[in-house]
Protein backbone atom coordinates (compact mmCIF):
# COMPACT_ATOMS: atom_id res chain seq x y z
CA MET A 1 0.02 -0.19 -0.09
CA ALA A 2 1.30 3.30 -0.55
CA GLN A 3 2.39 5.26 2.09
CA VAL A 4 -0.29 8.29 3.95
CA LEU A 5 0.55 11.51 3.17
CA MET A 6 1.65 13.01 7.23
CA PRO A 7 0.43 9.74 9.02
CA LYS A 8 0.34 11.15 12.06
CA ALA A 9 -1.71 14.81 11.52
CA THR A 10 -4.12 12.17 9.13
CA ALA A 11 -4.21 10.07 12.87
CA VAL A 12 -5.38 12.71 14.60
CA TRP A 13 -8.03 13.89 12.28
CA LEU A 14 -9.54 10.22 11.67
CA ILE A 15 -9.69 9.84 15.88
CA GLU A 16 -11.38 13.44 16.32
CA HIS A 17 -14.02 12.44 13.34
CA THR A 18 -14.61 8.79 13.12
CA GLY A 19 -15.48 5.94 14.95
CA LEU A 20 -12.23 3.45 13.60
CA THR A 21 -10.41 1.51 16.39
CA PHE A 22 -6.79 2.02 17.23
CA GLU A 23 -5.85 -0.70 15.14
CA GLN A 24 -7.28 0.31 12.17
CA VAL A 25 -5.72 3.92 12.40
CA ALA A 26 -2.47 2.24 12.94
CA ASP A 27 -2.81 0.12 9.90
CA PHE A 28 -4.02 2.90 7.72
CA CYS A 29 -1.17 5.40 9.32
CA GLY A 30 1.76 2.93 9.38
CA LEU A 31 1.73 3.71 13.53
CA HIS A 32 1.36 1.33 16.51
CA PRO A 33 -1.21 1.23 18.41
CA LEU A 34 0.27 2.31 21.18
CA GLU A 35 1.38 5.13 19.36
CA VAL A 36 -2.48 5.92 18.04
CA GLN A 37 -3.81 5.45 21.50
CA SER A 38 -0.99 8.10 22.64
CA ILE A 39 -2.36 10.43 20.14
CA ALA A 40 -5.58 9.72 21.19
CA ASP A 41 -4.67 10.47 25.14
CA ASP A 42 -2.98 14.12 24.05
CA GLU A 43 0.49 12.27 25.52
CA VAL A 44 2.16 13.14 22.17
CA VAL A 45 1.67 15.54 19.23
CA VAL A 46 -0.02 17.65 21.50
CA GLY A 47 -1.87 20.39 19.54
CA MET A 48 -1.24 18.71 16.01
CA VAL A 49 -3.89 20.12 13.72
CA GLY A 50 -5.50 16.96 11.84
CA PHE A 51 -5.21 16.31 8.49
CA ASP A 52 -7.90 15.25 6.06
CA PRO A 53 -7.38 12.41 3.82
CA ILE A 54 -11.30 12.58 2.70
CA ASN A 55 -10.17 16.00 1.45
CA SER A 56 -6.70 15.35 0.23
CA GLY A 57 -8.21 11.89 -1.62
CA GLN A 58 -6.51 8.76 -0.22
CA LEU A 59 -9.88 7.98 1.73
CA THR A 60 -13.57 8.26 0.85
CA ARG A 61 -16.67 8.19 2.58
CA GLU A 62 -18.07 4.98 1.91
CA GLU A 63 -14.49 3.45 3.12
CA ILE A 64 -14.51 4.70 6.68
CA THR A 65 -17.73 3.74 7.07
CA ARG A 66 -17.61 0.16 5.57
CA CYS A 67 -14.51 0.23 8.38
CA GLU A 68 -16.52 1.55 11.09
CA ALA A 69 -19.43 -1.15 10.92
CA ASP A 70 -17.05 -3.50 11.10
CA PRO A 71 -13.92 -3.28 13.51
CA SER A 72 -11.84 -6.23 11.70
CA ALA A 73 -12.08 -4.51 8.12
CA ARG A 74 -8.84 -3.02 7.11
CA LEU A 75 -9.02 1.13 5.41
CA LYS A 76 -8.23 0.93 1.85
CA MET A 77 -6.58 4.08 0.20
CA ALA A 78 -8.20 5.45 -2.65
CA GLU A 79 -6.73 5.43 -6.31
CA ALA A 80 -5.42 9.17 -6.57
CA ASN A 81 -6.22 11.27 -10.07
CA VAL A 82 -3.22 12.81 -9.28
CA PRO A 83 0.46 11.36 -9.46
CA ARG A 84 1.75 10.78 -6.46
CA PRO A 85 5.49 11.99 -5.65
CA THR A 86 7.79 9.86 -6.24
CA THR A 87 11.15 9.28 -4.22
CA ARG A 88 14.32 10.41 -5.91
CA THR A 89 16.59 7.54 -7.29
CA LYS A 90 19.06 8.96 -10.07
CA GLY A 91 21.99 11.69 -9.46
CA PRO A 92 24.23 12.09 -6.92
CA ARG A 93 22.90 11.83 -3.17
CA TYR A 94 21.94 15.00 -1.48
CA THR A 95 24.42 15.04 2.09
CA PRO A 96 23.92 17.32 4.74
CA VAL A 97 26.25 19.84 5.44
CA ALA A 98 27.36 17.95 8.83
CA LYS A 99 28.26 14.34 7.26
CA ARG A 100 30.19 15.81 4.29
CA GLN A 101 33.42 15.91 5.92
CA ASP A 102 32.69 11.62 6.48
CA ARG A 103 32.53 10.81 2.72
CA PRO A 104 35.81 10.90 2.05
CA ASP A 105 35.40 7.72 4.83
CA ALA A 106 32.47 5.99 3.44
CA ILE A 107 34.29 6.27 -0.17
CA ALA A 108 37.28 4.26 1.22
CA TRP A 109 35.14 1.90 2.89
CA LEU A 110 33.20 1.11 -0.34
CA LEU A 111 36.43 0.88 -2.98
CA ARG A 112 37.79 -1.68 0.37
CA ASN A 113 34.95 -3.69 0.94
CA PHE A 114 32.69 -3.74 -2.68
CA PRO A 115 35.41 -3.36 -5.69
CA GLU A 116 32.83 -4.32 -8.03
CA LEU A 117 30.94 -1.01 -7.53
CA SER A 118 30.91 1.30 -10.20
CA ASP A 119 32.33 4.70 -9.39
CA GLY A 120 29.19 6.10 -10.71
CA GLN A 121 27.48 3.82 -7.94
CA VAL A 122 30.31 5.23 -5.33
CA SER A 123 28.78 8.86 -6.50
CA ARG A 124 25.16 7.98 -5.97
CA LEU A 125 25.13 6.11 -2.69
CA VAL A 126 28.10 8.87 -0.92
CA GLY A 127 26.98 12.02 -2.63
CA THR A 128 30.30 12.67 -4.31
CA THR A 129 31.98 13.52 -7.46
CA LYS A 130 34.16 11.30 -9.65
CA PRO A 131 36.96 12.84 -8.76
CA THR A 132 36.54 12.80 -5.23
CA ILE A 133 36.85 8.89 -5.83
CA SER A 134 39.99 8.54 -8.05
CA ALA A 135 41.47 10.46 -5.36
CA VAL A 136 40.87 8.50 -2.82
CA ARG A 137 41.01 5.25 -4.90
CA ASP A 138 44.95 6.84 -5.83
CA ARG A 139 45.57 7.59 -2.04
CA THR A 140 46.18 11.82 -4.18
CA HIS A 141 43.17 13.10 -1.89
CA TRP A 142 45.08 16.57 -0.11
CA ASN A 143 43.66 14.68 3.43
CA ILE A 144 44.33 10.64 2.82
CA GLY A 145 46.26 10.85 6.03
CA SER A 146 42.81 11.45 8.04
CA ILE A 147 41.03 8.57 5.92
CA LYS A 148 39.41 6.12 7.66
CA PRO A 149 37.06 3.66 5.81
CA ARG A 150 33.92 3.90 8.05
CA ASP A 151 30.53 1.97 6.67
CA PRO A 152 28.55 4.60 5.38
CA VAL A 153 25.20 3.42 6.42
CA ALA A 154 26.75 3.11 9.97
CA LEU A 155 27.52 7.22 9.35
CA GLY A 156 23.71 7.86 8.09
CA ILE A 157 25.00 9.02 4.61
CA CYS A 158 23.31 5.92 2.95
CA SER A 159 19.98 3.43 3.75
CA ARG A 160 20.90 -0.11 3.57
CA GLU A 161 18.93 -1.35 0.87
CA ASP A 162 20.06 1.09 -1.26
CA LEU A 163 23.37 -0.10 -0.74
CA ARG A 164 22.41 -3.68 -0.96
CA ALA A 165 20.27 -2.96 -4.23
CA ALA A 166 23.78 -1.04 -5.62
CA ILE A 167 26.00 -4.55 -5.04
CA GLU A 168 23.35 -6.79 -6.08
CA LYS A 169 23.29 -4.59 -9.74
CA ALA A 170 27.25 -4.37 -9.64
CA ARG A 171 27.77 -8.29 -9.09
CA ARG A 172 24.94 -9.33 -12.26
CA ALA A 173 26.95 -6.78 -13.78
CA LEU A 174 30.06 -8.21 -13.15
CA GLU A 175 28.66 -11.74 -13.41
CA ARG A 176 27.40 -10.84 -17.54
CA ALA A 177 30.80 -9.40 -17.86
CA GLU A 178 32.28 -13.06 -17.44
CA LYS A 179 29.56 -14.80 -19.54
CA ARG A 180 30.80 -12.72 -22.59
CA ARG A 181 34.12 -13.33 -21.59
CA ALA A 182 34.12 -17.37 -21.45
CA ARG A 183 32.17 -16.98 -24.60
CA ASP A 184 34.46 -14.92 -26.94
CA THR A 185 37.33 -16.87 -25.84
CA ALA A 186 35.66 -20.39 -27.03
CA LYS A 187 34.89 -18.86 -30.02
CA ASP A 188 38.67 -18.16 -30.34
CA GLU A 189 40.04 -21.41 -28.71
CA ALA A 190 37.29 -22.76 -31.62
CA ALA A 191 38.57 -20.85 -34.61
CA SER A 192 41.87 -21.79 -33.81
CA ALA A 193 41.60 -25.30 -33.61
CA ALA A 194 39.65 -26.00 -36.75
CA PRO A 195 41.92 -27.93 -39.30
CA MET A 196 44.03 -24.99 -41.96
CA GLU A 197 44.30 -26.45 -45.68
CA SER A 198 47.60 -26.21 -46.54
CA PRO A 199 48.86 -24.51 -49.86
CA ALA A 200 50.34 -27.52 -51.86
CA ASP A 201 46.88 -28.72 -51.15
CA SER A 202 45.05 -26.11 -52.51
CA ALA A 203 47.65 -25.84 -55.68
CA ASP A 204 46.82 -29.70 -56.26
CA ASP A 205 43.13 -29.22 -55.84
CA ALA A 206 43.55 -25.90 -58.27
CA ALA A 207 45.15 -27.83 -60.88
CA PRO A 208 42.91 -29.60 -63.47
CA GLU A 209 44.04 -33.23 -65.24
CA SER A 210 44.31 -32.86 -69.41
CA ASP A 211 42.74 -35.75 -70.97
CA THR A 212 45.26 -35.17 -73.77
CA ALA A 213 48.58 -35.82 -74.87
CA PRO A 214 51.08 -31.99 -75.32
CA ALA A 215 52.01 -31.69 -79.15
CA GLY A 216 55.35 -33.49 -79.77
CA THR A 217 55.10 -35.51 -77.12
CA THR A 218 56.21 -39.77 -78.41
CA ASP A 219 53.89 -42.33 -78.65
CA PRO A 220 54.34 -45.41 -75.50
CA PHE A 221 56.90 -47.11 -77.09
CA GLY A 222 59.72 -44.07 -77.98
CA ALA A 223 59.05 -44.03 -81.43
CA PRO A 224 57.83 -40.65 -82.56
CA ALA A 225 55.67 -39.62 -84.05
CA ALA A 226 54.35 -40.63 -87.84
CA ASP A 227 55.45 -37.97 -90.40
CA ASP A 228 54.77 -37.69 -94.21
CA GLY A 229 56.86 -34.25 -94.25
CA PRO A 230 60.11 -34.29 -96.03
CA GLY A 231 62.06 -36.06 -93.37
CA ARG A 232 60.12 -39.14 -93.50
CA ASP A 233 62.60 -42.88 -93.30
CA PRO A 234 64.55 -43.47 -97.23
CA PHE A 235 64.43 -46.84 -96.77
CA SER A 236 60.71 -47.21 -96.62
CA SER A 237 58.91 -48.14 -99.72
CA GLY A 238 56.85 -45.39 -101.05
CA GLY A 239 55.03 -44.54 -103.94
């Protein structure tokens, strides 16, 4: 289910204007039932103005009435007619000013533990630039002596889910590259193992055999071919 806009303010409005149970309100707003009860008892969010989920298009009056009649039912968010804001996933991540001095430590930690991550992925996770990443990798960073590899999740620079997703994506890309390399190697080996035709065999195949003897050759017994010209035998009988 999509996340409720202003969950605590929405819970305040539902408590004040409906007969829904704490469990129903907590399930819809993504809160704990005890937290909803504390809101109802004015122990937390004192003075908070309720946020009407009907006017904002998150709920319908019919859906509230249905769940008021059945305490075991759960509210279903209405389909929004306008697109809801989405979380930004592309481009460098914004890093608070208080955390920016920790970025080199986070870069060093990622480069040491997950070398399969590309510079672009590290840049998006930490919210830095590729030249800074190269400087940390090459140990040419101006503050390299003070850099200590530290987990960016523990530093609060990125979330564990984003880090896990980036690592899985990088490993899938690495596997595809290895498979491609293996296929290319197999093709090269198959091409080198194929039998090659020698030049002598090509010459033999190219030369056609002739059934007629060339002019001026002798007969099989070594006698010259008959000639009726001036050079015939003087001892032979002739007319």
